[in-house]
Amino acid sequence: MTGWAKAMVVNNRLAAATAAKKVKRAMYKPSFRIMVRNTYSVRRLLSLLLQ
């Protein structure tokens, strides 16, 4: 029973890791654009605050 539970935990970890990798790959390109946009807006806000 404990061995089976351990195997399940390991499998879940592997599945979670692969899912995270897939999600990261899927989100990389759009998130990069969003990141650029966010940095631009942050810079604009900072410039407004520092005026």
PDB file of N, CA and C in Angstrom:
ATOM      1  N   MET A   1       0.834  -1.203   0.000  1.00  0.00           N
ATOM      2  CA  MET A   1       0.000   0.000   0.000  1.00  0.00           C
ATOM      3  C   MET A   1       0.871   1.255   0.000  1.00  0.00           C
ATOM      4  N   THR A   2       1.882   1.307   0.881  1.00  0.00           N
ATOM      5  CA  THR A   2       2.728   2.493   0.939  1.00  0.00           C
ATOM      6  C   THR A   2       3.499   2.658  -0.366  1.00  0.00           C
ATOM      7  N   GLY A   3       3.990   1.540  -0.923  1.00  0.00           N
ATOM      8  CA  GLY A   3       4.720   1.607  -2.188  1.00  0.00           C
ATOM      9  C   GLY A   3       3.831   2.143  -3.290  1.00  0.00           C
ATOM     10  N   TRP A   4       2.578   1.687  -3.313  1.00  0.00           N
ATOM     11  CA  TRP A   4       1.629   2.151  -4.333  1.00  0.00           C
ATOM     12  C   TRP A   4       1.379   3.647  -4.157  1.00  0.00           C
ATOM     13  N   ALA A   5       1.208   4.071  -2.897  1.00  0.00           N
ATOM     14  CA  ALA A   5       0.973   5.493  -2.630  1.00  0.00           C
ATOM     15  C   ALA A   5       2.185   6.309  -3.071  1.00  0.00           C
ATOM     16  N   LYS A   6       3.386   5.785  -2.787  1.00  0.00           N
ATOM     17  CA  LYS A   6       4.609   6.493  -3.165  1.00  0.00           C
ATOM     18  C   LYS A   6       4.687   6.638  -4.682  1.00  0.00           C
ATOM     19  N   ALA A   7       4.357   5.549  -5.385  1.00  0.00           N
ATOM     20  CA  ALA A   7       4.378   5.583  -6.848  1.00  0.00           C
ATOM     21  C   ALA A   7       3.376   6.611  -7.366  1.00  0.00           C
ATOM     22  N   MET A   8       2.205   6.670  -6.738  1.00  0.00           N
ATOM     23  CA  MET A   8       1.187   7.634  -7.153  1.00  0.00           C
ATOM     24  C   MET A   8       1.707   9.061  -6.970  1.00  0.00           C
ATOM     25  N   VAL A   9       2.358   9.311  -5.828  1.00  0.00           N
ATOM     26  CA  VAL A   9       2.890  10.647  -5.552  1.00  0.00           C
ATOM     27  C   VAL A   9       3.932  11.019  -6.600  1.00  0.00           C
ATOM     28  N   VAL A  10       4.836  10.072  -6.915  1.00  0.00           N
ATOM     29  CA  VAL A  10       5.886  10.331  -7.908  1.00  0.00           C
ATOM     30  C   VAL A  10       5.256  10.624  -9.257  1.00  0.00           C
ATOM     31  N   ASN A  11       4.257   9.810  -9.639  1.00  0.00           N
ATOM     32  CA  ASN A  11       3.588  10.021 -10.922  1.00  0.00           C
ATOM     33  C   ASN A  11       2.907  11.382 -10.953  1.00  0.00           C
ATOM     34  N   ASN A  12       2.273  11.750  -9.844  1.00  0.00           N
ATOM     35  CA  ASN A  12       1.604  13.049  -9.788  1.00  0.00           C
ATOM     36  C   ASN A  12       2.613  14.182  -9.936  1.00  0.00           C
ATOM     37  N   ARG A  13       3.767  14.018  -9.287  1.00  0.00           N
ATOM     38  CA  ARG A  13       4.803  15.053  -9.388  1.00  0.00           C
ATOM     39  C   ARG A  13       5.280  15.193 -10.821  1.00  0.00           C
ATOM     40  N   LEU A  14       5.529  14.040 -11.472  1.00  0.00           N
ATOM     41  CA  LEU A  14       5.988  14.077 -12.863  1.00  0.00           C
ATOM     42  C   LEU A  14       4.936  14.729 -13.743  1.00  0.00           C
ATOM     43  N   ALA A  15       3.686  14.355 -13.541  1.00  0.00           N
ATOM     44  CA  ALA A  15       2.598  14.914 -14.344  1.00  0.00           C
ATOM     45  C   ALA A  15       2.502  16.420 -14.121  1.00  0.00           C
ATOM     46  N   ALA A  16       2.633  16.831 -12.866  1.00  0.00           N
ATOM     47  CA  ALA A  16       2.553  18.256 -12.552  1.00  0.00           C
ATOM     48  C   ALA A  16       3.711  19.007 -13.209  1.00  0.00           C
ATOM     49  N   ALA A  17       4.904  18.423 -13.162  1.00  0.00           N
ATOM     50  CA  ALA A  17       6.077  19.076 -13.753  1.00  0.00           C
ATOM     51  C   ALA A  17       5.906  19.220 -15.258  1.00  0.00           C
ATOM     52  N   THR A  18       5.469  18.143 -15.921  1.00  0.00           N
ATOM     53  CA  THR A  18       5.294  18.206 -17.373  1.00  0.00           C
ATOM     54  C   THR A  18       4.194  19.193 -17.729  1.00  0.00           C
ATOM     55  N   ALA A  19       3.133  19.222 -16.936  1.00  0.00           N
ATOM     56  CA  ALA A  19       2.036  20.158 -17.199  1.00  0.00           C
ATOM     57  C   ALA A  19       2.538  21.593 -17.054  1.00  0.00           C
ATOM     58  N   ALA A  20       3.343  21.836 -16.020  1.00  0.00           N
ATOM     59  CA  ALA A  20       3.879  23.177 -15.806  1.00  0.00           C
ATOM     60  C   ALA A  20       4.762  23.585 -16.980  1.00  0.00           C
ATOM     61  N   LYS A  21       5.593  22.636 -17.461  1.00  0.00           N
ATOM     62  CA  LYS A  21       6.454  22.933 -18.610  1.00  0.00           C
ATOM     63  C   LYS A  21       5.613  23.281 -19.825  1.00  0.00           C
ATOM     64  N   LYS A  22       4.573  22.469 -20.066  1.00  0.00           N
ATOM     65  CA  LYS A  22       3.705  22.717 -21.219  1.00  0.00           C
ATOM     66  C   LYS A  22       3.037  24.078 -21.097  1.00  0.00           C
ATOM     67  N   VAL A  23       2.552  24.388 -19.891  1.00  0.00           N
ATOM     68  CA  VAL A  23       1.880  25.672 -19.677  1.00  0.00           C
ATOM     69  C   VAL A  23       2.862  26.815 -19.912  1.00  0.00           C
ATOM     70  N   LYS A  24       4.087  26.663 -19.392  1.00  0.00           N
ATOM     71  CA  LYS A  24       5.094  27.708 -19.577  1.00  0.00           C
ATOM     72  C   LYS A  24       5.377  27.914 -21.054  1.00  0.00           C
ATOM     73  N   ARG A  25       5.534  26.801 -21.797  1.00  0.00           N
ATOM     74  CA  ARG A  25       5.803  26.906 -23.229  1.00  0.00           C
ATOM     75  C   ARG A  25       4.649  27.586 -23.938  1.00  0.00           C
ATOM     76  N   ALA A  26       3.429  27.201 -23.563  1.00  0.00           N
ATOM     77  CA  ALA A  26       2.246  27.756 -24.222  1.00  0.00           C
ATOM     78  C   ALA A  26       2.111  29.239 -23.905  1.00  0.00           C
ATOM     79  N   MET A  27       2.478  29.628 -22.679  1.00  0.00           N
ATOM     80  CA  MET A  27       2.282  31.003 -22.238  1.00  0.00           C
ATOM     81  C   MET A  27       3.463  31.903 -22.559  1.00  0.00           C
ATOM     82  N   TYR A  28       4.583  31.318 -23.035  1.00  0.00           N
ATOM     83  CA  TYR A  28       5.806  32.113 -23.157  1.00  0.00           C
ATOM     84  C   TYR A  28       5.630  33.291 -24.108  1.00  0.00           C
ATOM     85  N   LYS A  29       5.173  33.013 -25.325  1.00  0.00           N
ATOM     86  CA  LYS A  29       5.110  34.083 -26.323  1.00  0.00           C
ATOM     87  C   LYS A  29       4.118  35.177 -25.943  1.00  0.00           C
ATOM     88  N   PRO A  30       2.863  34.843 -25.616  1.00  0.00           N
ATOM     89  CA  PRO A  30       1.932  35.899 -25.215  1.00  0.00           C
ATOM     90  C   PRO A  30       2.364  36.604 -23.932  1.00  0.00           C
ATOM     91  N   SER A  31       2.904  35.838 -22.983  1.00  0.00           N
ATOM     92  CA  SER A  31       3.320  36.448 -21.721  1.00  0.00           C
ATOM     93  C   SER A  31       4.486  37.403 -21.961  1.00  0.00           C
ATOM     94  N   PHE A  32       5.332  37.092 -22.951  1.00  0.00           N
ATOM     95  CA  PHE A  32       6.438  37.995 -23.277  1.00  0.00           C
ATOM     96  C   PHE A  32       5.892  39.338 -23.749  1.00  0.00           C
ATOM     97  N   ARG A  33       4.884  39.288 -24.611  1.00  0.00           N
ATOM     98  CA  ARG A  33       4.262  40.529 -25.090  1.00  0.00           C
ATOM     99  C   ARG A  33       3.631  41.290 -23.932  1.00  0.00           C
ATOM    100  N   ILE A  34       2.929  40.546 -23.067  1.00  0.00           N
ATOM    101  CA  ILE A  34       2.271  41.181 -21.917  1.00  0.00           C
ATOM    102  C   ILE A  34       3.327  41.811 -21.012  1.00  0.00           C
ATOM    103  N   MET A  35       4.459  41.098 -20.839  1.00  0.00           N
ATOM    104  CA  MET A  35       5.525  41.597 -19.988  1.00  0.00           C
ATOM    105  C   MET A  35       6.056  42.912 -20.550  1.00  0.00           C
ATOM    106  N   VAL A  36       6.282  42.956 -21.868  1.00  0.00           N
ATOM    107  CA  VAL A  36       6.779  44.185 -22.495  1.00  0.00           C
ATOM    108  C   VAL A  36       5.782  45.309 -22.282  1.00  0.00           C
ATOM    109  N   ARG A  37       4.502  44.981 -22.484  1.00  0.00           N
ATOM    110  CA  ARG A  37       3.460  45.991 -22.310  1.00  0.00           C
ATOM    111  C   ARG A  37       3.439  46.478 -20.864  1.00  0.00           C
ATOM    112  N   ASN A  38       3.575  45.533 -19.921  1.00  0.00           N
ATOM    113  CA  ASN A  38       3.550  45.901 -18.504  1.00  0.00           C
ATOM    114  C   ASN A  38       4.736  46.789 -18.146  1.00  0.00           C
ATOM    115  N   THR A  39       5.917  46.454 -18.659  1.00  0.00           N
ATOM    116  CA  THR A  39       7.089  47.272 -18.351  1.00  0.00           C
ATOM    117  C   THR A  39       6.902  48.666 -18.925  1.00  0.00           C
ATOM    118  N   TYR A  40       6.298  48.741 -20.110  1.00  0.00           N
ATOM    119  CA  TYR A  40       6.047  50.047 -20.726  1.00  0.00           C
ATOM    120  C   TYR A  40       5.100  50.866 -19.860  1.00  0.00           C
ATOM    121  N   SER A  41       4.008  50.232 -19.419  1.00  0.00           N
ATOM    122  CA  SER A  41       3.036  50.956 -18.592  1.00  0.00           C
ATOM    123  C   SER A  41       3.665  51.358 -17.259  1.00  0.00           C
ATOM    124  N   VAL A  42       4.502  50.494 -16.704  1.00  0.00           N
ATOM    125  CA  VAL A  42       5.166  50.817 -15.433  1.00  0.00           C
ATOM    126  C   VAL A  42       6.092  52.008 -15.615  1.00  0.00           C
ATOM    127  N   ARG A  43       6.832  52.011 -16.720  1.00  0.00           N
ATOM    128  CA  ARG A  43       7.721  53.146 -16.990  1.00  0.00           C
ATOM    129  C   ARG A  43       6.924  54.435 -17.126  1.00  0.00           C
ATOM    130  N   ARG A  44       5.786  54.338 -17.821  1.00  0.00           N
ATOM    131  CA  ARG A  44       4.946  55.516 -18.013  1.00  0.00           C
ATOM    132  C   ARG A  44       4.441  56.023 -16.667  1.00  0.00           C
ATOM    133  N   LEU A  45       4.000  55.076 -15.816  1.00  0.00           N
ATOM    134  CA  LEU A  45       3.517  55.468 -14.489  1.00  0.00           C
ATOM    135  C   LEU A  45       4.634  56.123 -13.682  1.00  0.00           C
ATOM    136  N   LEU A  46       5.830  55.529 -13.750  1.00  0.00           N
ATOM    137  CA  LEU A  46       6.955  56.097 -13.009  1.00  0.00           C
ATOM    138  C   LEU A  46       7.279  57.497 -13.508  1.00  0.00           C
ATOM    139  N   SER A  47       7.273  57.662 -14.819  1.00  0.00           N
ATOM    140  CA  SER A  47       7.586  58.989 -15.370  1.00  0.00           C
ATOM    141  C   SER A  47       6.534  60.002 -14.937  1.00  0.00           C
ATOM    142  N   LEU A  48       5.267  59.568 -14.891  1.00  0.00           N
ATOM    143  CA  LEU A  48       4.211  60.473 -14.440  1.00  0.00           C
ATOM    144  C   LEU A  48       4.413  60.848 -12.977  1.00  0.00           C
ATOM    145  N   LEU A  49       4.803  59.850 -12.171  1.00  0.00           N
ATOM    146  CA  LEU A  49       4.997  60.109 -10.744  1.00  0.00           C
ATOM    147  C   LEU A  49       6.205  61.004 -10.503  1.00  0.00           C
ATOM    148  N   LEU A  50       7.249  60.832 -11.316  1.00  0.00           N
ATOM    149  CA  LEU A  50       8.496  61.556 -11.084  1.00  0.00           C
ATOM    150  C   LEU A  50       8.486  62.960 -11.663  1.00  0.00           C
ATOM    151  N   GLN A  51       7.463  63.314 -12.404  1.00  0.00           N
ATOM    152  CA  GLN A  51       7.420  64.651 -13.012  1.00  0.00           C
ATOM    153  C   GLN A  51       7.348  65.744 -11.955  1.00  0.00           C
TER     154      GLN A  51
END
